PDB file of all heavy atoms in Angstrom:
ATOM      1  N   LEU A   1      78.272-100.704-168.103  1.00  0.00           N
ATOM      2  CA  LEU A   1      77.064-100.504-167.327  1.00  0.00           C
ATOM      3  C   LEU A   1      76.124-101.691-167.529  1.00  0.00           C
ATOM      4  O   LEU A   1      76.100-102.299-168.614  1.00  0.00           O
ATOM      5  CB  LEU A   1      76.363 -99.222-167.756  1.00  0.00           C
ATOM      6  CG  LEU A   1      77.143 -97.912-167.557  1.00  0.00           C
ATOM      7  CD1 LEU A   1      76.356 -96.748-168.145  1.00  0.00           C
ATOM      8  CD2 LEU A   1      77.451 -97.680-166.086  1.00  0.00           C
ATOM      9  N   PRO A   2      75.333-102.037-166.515  1.00  0.00           N
ATOM     10  CA  PRO A   2      74.437-103.195-166.648  1.00  0.00           C
ATOM     11  C   PRO A   2      73.541-103.120-167.876  1.00  0.00           C
ATOM     12  O   PRO A   2      73.337-104.133-168.568  1.00  0.00           O
ATOM     13  CB  PRO A   2      73.624-103.154-165.346  1.00  0.00           C
ATOM     14  CG  PRO A   2      74.520-102.480-164.361  1.00  0.00           C
ATOM     15  CD  PRO A   2      75.274-101.454-165.163  1.00  0.00           C
ATOM     16  N   GLU A   3      72.998-101.926-168.164  1.00  0.00           N
ATOM     17  CA  GLU A   3      72.093-101.811-169.307  1.00  0.00           C
ATOM     18  C   GLU A   3      72.818-102.002-170.645  1.00  0.00           C
ATOM     19  O   GLU A   3      72.218-102.459-171.626  1.00  0.00           O
ATOM     20  CB  GLU A   3      71.359-100.465-169.293  1.00  0.00           C
ATOM     21  CG  GLU A   3      72.256 -99.243-169.291  1.00  0.00           C
ATOM     22  CD  GLU A   3      72.581 -98.723-167.901  1.00  0.00           C
ATOM     23  OE1 GLU A   3      72.700 -99.551-166.965  1.00  0.00           O
ATOM     24  OE2 GLU A   3      72.738 -97.495-167.757  1.00  0.00           O
ATOM     25  N   ASP A   4      74.091-101.661-170.696  1.00  0.00           N
ATOM     26  CA  ASP A   4      74.864-101.881-171.917  1.00  0.00           C
ATOM     27  C   ASP A   4      75.289-103.336-172.047  1.00  0.00           C
ATOM     28  O   ASP A   4      75.265-103.910-173.144  1.00  0.00           O
ATOM     29  CB  ASP A   4      76.076-100.955-171.943  1.00  0.00           C
ATOM     30  CG  ASP A   4      75.696 -99.491-172.025  1.00  0.00           C
ATOM     31  OD1 ASP A   4      74.625 -99.193-172.596  1.00  0.00           O
ATOM     32  OD2 ASP A   4      76.460 -98.647-171.524  1.00  0.00           O
ATOM     33  N   LEU A   5      75.681-103.936-170.946  1.00  0.00           N
ATOM     34  CA  LEU A   5      76.046-105.361-170.960  1.00  0.00           C
ATOM     35  C   LEU A   5      74.861-106.220-171.404  1.00  0.00           C
ATOM     36  O   LEU A   5      75.024-107.194-172.143  1.00  0.00           O
ATOM     37  CB  LEU A   5      76.514-105.794-169.577  1.00  0.00           C
ATOM     38  CG  LEU A   5      77.848-105.224-169.096  1.00  0.00           C
ATOM     39  CD1 LEU A   5      78.025-105.470-167.606  1.00  0.00           C
ATOM     40  CD2 LEU A   5      79.008-105.838-169.868  1.00  0.00           C
ATOM     41  N   ALA A   6      73.662-105.840-170.967  1.00  0.00           N
ATOM     42  CA  ALA A   6      72.483-106.641-171.272  1.00  0.00           C
ATOM     43  C   ALA A   6      72.207-106.732-172.768  1.00  0.00           C
ATOM     44  O   ALA A   6      71.594-107.702-173.237  1.00  0.00           O
ATOM     45  CB  ALA A   6      71.259-106.061-170.549  1.00  0.00           C
ATOM     46  N   LEU A   7      72.673-105.753-173.539  1.00  0.00           N
ATOM     47  CA  LEU A   7      72.463-105.776-174.985  1.00  0.00           C
ATOM     48  C   LEU A   7      73.192-106.935-175.647  1.00  0.00           C
ATOM     49  O   LEU A   7      72.856-107.324-176.772  1.00  0.00           O
ATOM     50  CB  LEU A   7      72.936-104.454-175.597  1.00  0.00           C
ATOM     51  CG  LEU A   7      72.206-103.183-175.148  1.00  0.00           C
ATOM     52  CD1 LEU A   7      72.924-101.951-175.682  1.00  0.00           C
ATOM     53  CD2 LEU A   7      70.758-103.202-175.623  1.00  0.00           C
ATOM     54  N   TYR A   8      74.182-107.482-174.960  1.00  0.00           N
ATOM     55  CA  TYR A   8      75.044-108.499-175.562  1.00  0.00           C
ATOM     56  C   TYR A   8      75.052-109.787-174.744  1.00  0.00           C
ATOM     57  O   TYR A   8      76.031-110.537-174.742  1.00  0.00           O
ATOM     58  CB  TYR A   8      76.461-107.931-175.717  1.00  0.00           C
ATOM     59  CG  TYR A   8      76.461-106.622-176.473  1.00  0.00           C
ATOM     60  CD1 TYR A   8      76.614-105.409-175.810  1.00  0.00           C
ATOM     61  CD2 TYR A   8      76.242-106.607-177.855  1.00  0.00           C
ATOM     62  CE1 TYR A   8      76.573-104.210-176.497  1.00  0.00           C
ATOM     63  CE2 TYR A   8      76.197-105.409-178.549  1.00  0.00           C
ATOM     64  CZ  TYR A   8      76.363-104.207-177.870  1.00  0.00           C
ATOM     65  OH  TYR A   8      76.301-103.025-178.557  1.00  0.00           O
ATOM     66  N   ASP A   9      73.943-110.060-174.073  1.00  0.00           N
ATOM     67  CA  ASP A   9      73.860-111.264-173.252  1.00  0.00           C
ATOM     68  C   ASP A   9      73.941-112.546-174.077  1.00  0.00           C
ATOM     69  O   ASP A   9      74.206-113.622-173.529  1.00  0.00           O
ATOM     70  CB  ASP A   9      72.554-111.264-172.445  1.00  0.00           C
ATOM     71  CG  ASP A   9      72.619-110.349-171.231  1.00  0.00           C
ATOM     72  OD1 ASP A   9      73.738-109.961-170.845  1.00  0.00           O
ATOM     73  OD2 ASP A   9      71.542-110.022-170.678  1.00  0.00           O
ATOM     74  N   ASP A  10      73.727-112.445-175.382  1.00  0.00           N
ATOM     75  CA  ASP A  10      73.778-113.639-176.228  1.00  0.00           C
ATOM     76  C   ASP A  10      75.194-114.041-176.615  1.00  0.00           C
ATOM     77  O   ASP A  10      75.422-115.163-177.088  1.00  0.00           O
ATOM     78  CB  ASP A  10      72.968-113.410-177.509  1.00  0.00           C
ATOM     79  CG  ASP A  10      73.557-112.295-178.368  1.00  0.00           C
ATOM     80  OD1 ASP A  10      73.903-111.225-177.794  1.00  0.00           O
ATOM     81  OD2 ASP A  10      73.692-112.480-179.597  1.00  0.00           O
ATOM     82  N   LEU A  11      76.170-113.172-176.412  1.00  0.00           N
ATOM     83  CA  LEU A  11      77.518-113.446-176.927  1.00  0.00           C
ATOM     84  C   LEU A  11      78.219-114.605-176.227  1.00  0.00           C
ATOM     85  O   LEU A  11      78.906-115.387-176.907  1.00  0.00           O
ATOM     86  CB  LEU A  11      78.376-112.177-176.856  1.00  0.00           C
ATOM     87  CG  LEU A  11      77.929-111.014-177.750  1.00  0.00           C
ATOM     88  CD1 LEU A  11      78.959-109.896-177.716  1.00  0.00           C
ATOM     89  CD2 LEU A  11      77.696-111.471-179.182  1.00  0.00           C
ATOM     90  N   PRO A  12      78.133-114.768-174.907  1.00  0.00           N
ATOM     91  CA  PRO A  12      78.820-115.915-174.293  1.00  0.00           C
ATOM     92  C   PRO A  12      78.408-117.250-174.903  1.00  0.00           C
ATOM     93  O   PRO A  12      79.263-118.111-175.163  1.00  0.00           O
ATOM     94  CB  PRO A  12      78.412-115.808-172.823  1.00  0.00           C
ATOM     95  CG  PRO A  12      78.224-114.342-172.604  1.00  0.00           C
ATOM     96  CD  PRO A  12      77.575-113.865-173.867  1.00  0.00           C
ATOM     97  N   ALA A  13      77.119-117.428-175.181  1.00  0.00           N
ATOM     98  CA  ALA A  13      76.673-118.685-175.789  1.00  0.00           C
ATOM     99  C   ALA A  13      77.094-118.769-177.251  1.00  0.00           C
ATOM    100  O   ALA A  13      77.474-119.832-177.748  1.00  0.00           O
ATOM    101  CB  ALA A  13      75.153-118.812-175.660  1.00  0.00           C
ATOM    102  N   ARG A  14      77.049-117.622-177.962  1.00  0.00           N
ATOM    103  CA  ARG A  14      77.380-117.634-179.391  1.00  0.00           C
ATOM    104  C   ARG A  14      78.826-118.057-179.630  1.00  0.00           C
ATOM    105  O   ARG A  14      79.134-118.746-180.601  1.00  0.00           O
ATOM    106  CB  ARG A  14      77.137-116.260-180.002  1.00  0.00           C
ATOM    107  CG  ARG A  14      77.368-116.224-181.505  1.00  0.00           C
ATOM    108  CD  ARG A  14      77.352-114.820-182.067  1.00  0.00           C
ATOM    109  NE  ARG A  14      76.131-114.083-181.776  1.00  0.00           N
ATOM    110  CZ  ARG A  14      75.924-112.833-182.185  1.00  0.00           C
ATOM    111  NH1 ARG A  14      76.859-112.200-182.882  1.00  0.00           N
ATOM    112  NH2 ARG A  14      74.803-112.215-181.877  1.00  0.00           N
ATOM    113  N   TYR A  15      79.730-117.648-178.744  1.00  0.00           N
ATOM    114  CA  TYR A  15      81.140-117.944-178.942  1.00  0.00           C
ATOM    115  C   TYR A  15      81.656-118.978-177.938  1.00  0.00           C
ATOM    116  O   TYR A  15      82.847-119.027-177.640  1.00  0.00           O
ATOM    117  CB  TYR A  15      81.953-116.656-178.817  1.00  0.00           C
ATOM    118  CG  TYR A  15      81.634-115.646-179.892  1.00  0.00           C
ATOM    119  CD1 TYR A  15      80.913-114.492-179.603  1.00  0.00           C
ATOM    120  CD2 TYR A  15      82.019-115.867-181.216  1.00  0.00           C
ATOM    121  CE1 TYR A  15      80.598-113.574-180.598  1.00  0.00           C
ATOM    122  CE2 TYR A  15      81.706-114.967-182.215  1.00  0.00           C
ATOM    123  CZ  TYR A  15      80.995-113.815-181.900  1.00  0.00           C
ATOM    124  OH  TYR A  15      80.689-112.922-182.887  1.00  0.00           O
ATOM    125  N   ALA A  16      80.767-119.828-177.465  1.00  0.00           N
ATOM    126  CA  ALA A  16      81.139-120.798-176.432  1.00  0.00           C
ATOM    127  C   ALA A  16      82.221-121.761-176.906  1.00  0.00           C
ATOM    128  O   ALA A  16      83.012-122.251-176.103  1.00  0.00           O
ATOM    129  CB  ALA A  16      79.902-121.568-175.977  1.00  0.00           C
ATOM    130  N   GLY A  17      82.287-122.033-178.185  1.00  0.00           N
ATOM    131  CA  GLY A  17      83.266-122.991-178.682  1.00  0.00           C
ATOM    132  C   GLY A  17      84.602-122.391-179.072  1.00  0.00           C
ATOM    133  O   GLY A  17      85.503-123.115-179.512  1.00  0.00           O
ATOM    134  N   ARG A  18      84.763-121.089-178.918  1.00  0.00           N
ATOM    135  CA  ARG A  18      85.987-120.416-179.340  1.00  0.00           C
ATOM    136  C   ARG A  18      87.033-120.459-178.234  1.00  0.00           C
ATOM    137  O   ARG A  18      86.739-120.612-177.044  1.00  0.00           O
ATOM    138  CB  ARG A  18      85.676-118.959-179.702  1.00  0.00           C
ATOM    139  CG  ARG A  18      84.691-118.807-180.841  1.00  0.00           C
ATOM    140  CD  ARG A  18      85.311-119.168-182.185  1.00  0.00           C
ATOM    141  NE  ARG A  18      86.296-118.197-182.581  1.00  0.00           N
ATOM    142  CZ  ARG A  18      86.031-117.156-183.386  1.00  0.00           C
ATOM    143  NH1 ARG A  18      84.810-116.979-183.854  1.00  0.00           N
ATOM    144  NH2 ARG A  18      86.974-116.304-183.711  1.00  0.00           N
ATOM    145  N   ASP A  19      88.300-120.284-178.640  1.00  0.00           N
ATOM    146  CA  ASP A  19      89.392-120.260-177.671  1.00  0.00           C
ATOM    147  C   ASP A  19      89.246-119.066-176.738  1.00  0.00           C
ATOM    148  O   ASP A  19      88.777-117.994-177.135  1.00  0.00           O
ATOM    149  CB  ASP A  19      90.737-120.170-178.391  1.00  0.00           C
ATOM    150  CG  ASP A  19      91.074-121.444-179.154  1.00  0.00           C
ATOM    151  OD1 ASP A  19      90.500-122.498-178.814  1.00  0.00           O
ATOM    152  OD2 ASP A  19      91.904-121.380-180.079  1.00  0.00           O
ATOM    153  N   SER A  20      89.681-119.231-175.504  1.00  0.00           N
ATOM    154  CA  SER A  20      89.695-118.118-174.561  1.00  0.00           C
ATOM    155  C   SER A  20      90.853-117.182-174.902  1.00  0.00           C
ATOM    156  O   SER A  20      91.757-117.528-175.652  1.00  0.00           O
ATOM    157  CB  SER A  20      89.816-118.637-173.132  1.00  0.00           C
ATOM    158  OG  SER A  20      91.015-119.367-172.974  1.00  0.00           O
ATOM    159  N   ILE A  21      90.818-115.980-174.332  1.00  0.00           N
ATOM    160  CA  ILE A  21      91.866-114.991-174.591  1.00  0.00           C
ATOM    161  C   ILE A  21      92.411-114.483-173.265  1.00  0.00           C
ATOM    162  O   ILE A  21      91.771-114.609-172.214  1.00  0.00           O
ATOM    163  CB  ILE A  21      91.338-113.822-175.445  1.00  0.00           C
ATOM    164  CG1 ILE A  21      90.169-113.109-174.743  1.00  0.00           C
ATOM    165  CG2 ILE A  21      90.915-114.305-176.819  1.00  0.00           C
ATOM    166  CD1 ILE A  21      89.675-111.885-175.481  1.00  0.00           C
ATOM    167  N   THR A  22      93.599-113.899-173.315  1.00  0.00           N
ATOM    168  CA  THR A  22      94.223-113.354-172.116  1.00  0.00           C
ATOM    169  C   THR A  22      93.912-111.865-171.994  1.00  0.00           C
ATOM    170  O   THR A  22      94.169-111.096-172.920  1.00  0.00           O
ATOM    171  CB  THR A  22      95.743-113.564-172.139  1.00  0.00           C
ATOM    172  OG1 THR A  22      96.022-114.971-172.189  1.00  0.00           O
ATOM    173  CG2 THR A  22      96.388-112.980-170.882  1.00  0.00           C
ATOM    174  N   LEU A  23      93.360-111.493-170.849  1.00  0.00           N
ATOM    175  CA  LEU A  23      93.045-110.097-170.547  1.00  0.00           C
ATOM    176  C   LEU A  23      93.536-109.788-169.138  1.00  0.00           C
ATOM    177  O   LEU A  23      94.067-110.661-168.449  1.00  0.00           O
ATOM    178  CB  LEU A  23      91.531-109.852-170.635  1.00  0.00           C
ATOM    179  CG  LEU A  23      90.843-110.092-171.976  1.00  0.00           C
ATOM    180  CD1 LEU A  23      89.344-109.975-171.819  1.00  0.00           C
ATOM    181  CD2 LEU A  23      91.343-109.101-173.014  1.00  0.00           C
ATOM    182  N   THR A  24      93.337-108.563-168.713  1.00  0.00           N
ATOM    183  CA  THR A  24      93.685-108.169-167.349  1.00  0.00           C
ATOM    184  C   THR A  24      92.480-108.369-166.432  1.00  0.00           C
ATOM    185  O   THR A  24      91.355-108.022-166.797  1.00  0.00           O
ATOM    186  CB  THR A  24      94.119-106.700-167.317  1.00  0.00           C
ATOM    187  OG1 THR A  24      95.247-106.530-168.163  1.00  0.00           O
ATOM    188  CG2 THR A  24      94.485-106.276-165.898  1.00  0.00           C
ATOM    189  N   SER A  25      92.726-108.880-165.266  1.00  0.00           N
ATOM    190  CA  SER A  25      91.669-109.031-164.271  1.00  0.00           C
ATOM    191  C   SER A  25      91.365-107.680-163.632  1.00  0.00           C
ATOM    192  O   SER A  25      92.277-106.975-163.177  1.00  0.00           O
ATOM    193  CB  SER A  25      92.096-110.028-163.191  1.00  0.00           C
ATOM    194  OG  SER A  25      91.240-109.949-162.075  1.00  0.00           O
ATOM    195  N   ASN A  26      90.088-107.324-163.580  1.00  0.00           N
ATOM    196  CA  ASN A  26      89.689-106.102-162.894  1.00  0.00           C
ATOM    197  C   ASN A  26      89.889-106.206-161.387  1.00  0.00           C
ATOM    198  O   ASN A  26      89.953-105.187-160.696  1.00  0.00           O
ATOM    199  CB  ASN A  26      88.219-105.779-163.181  1.00  0.00           C
ATOM    200  CG  ASN A  26      88.027-104.969-164.442  1.00  0.00           C
ATOM    201  OD1 ASN A  26      88.560-103.872-164.575  1.00  0.00           O
ATOM    202  ND2 ASN A  26      87.276-105.508-165.393  1.00  0.00           N
TER     203      ASN A  26
END
């Protein structure tokens, strides 16, 4: 949900230098 996602808006920048992972596309 948007309100739950907003709690973690800092994570993309925090882990910007980490390797990407394979997931399923929605």
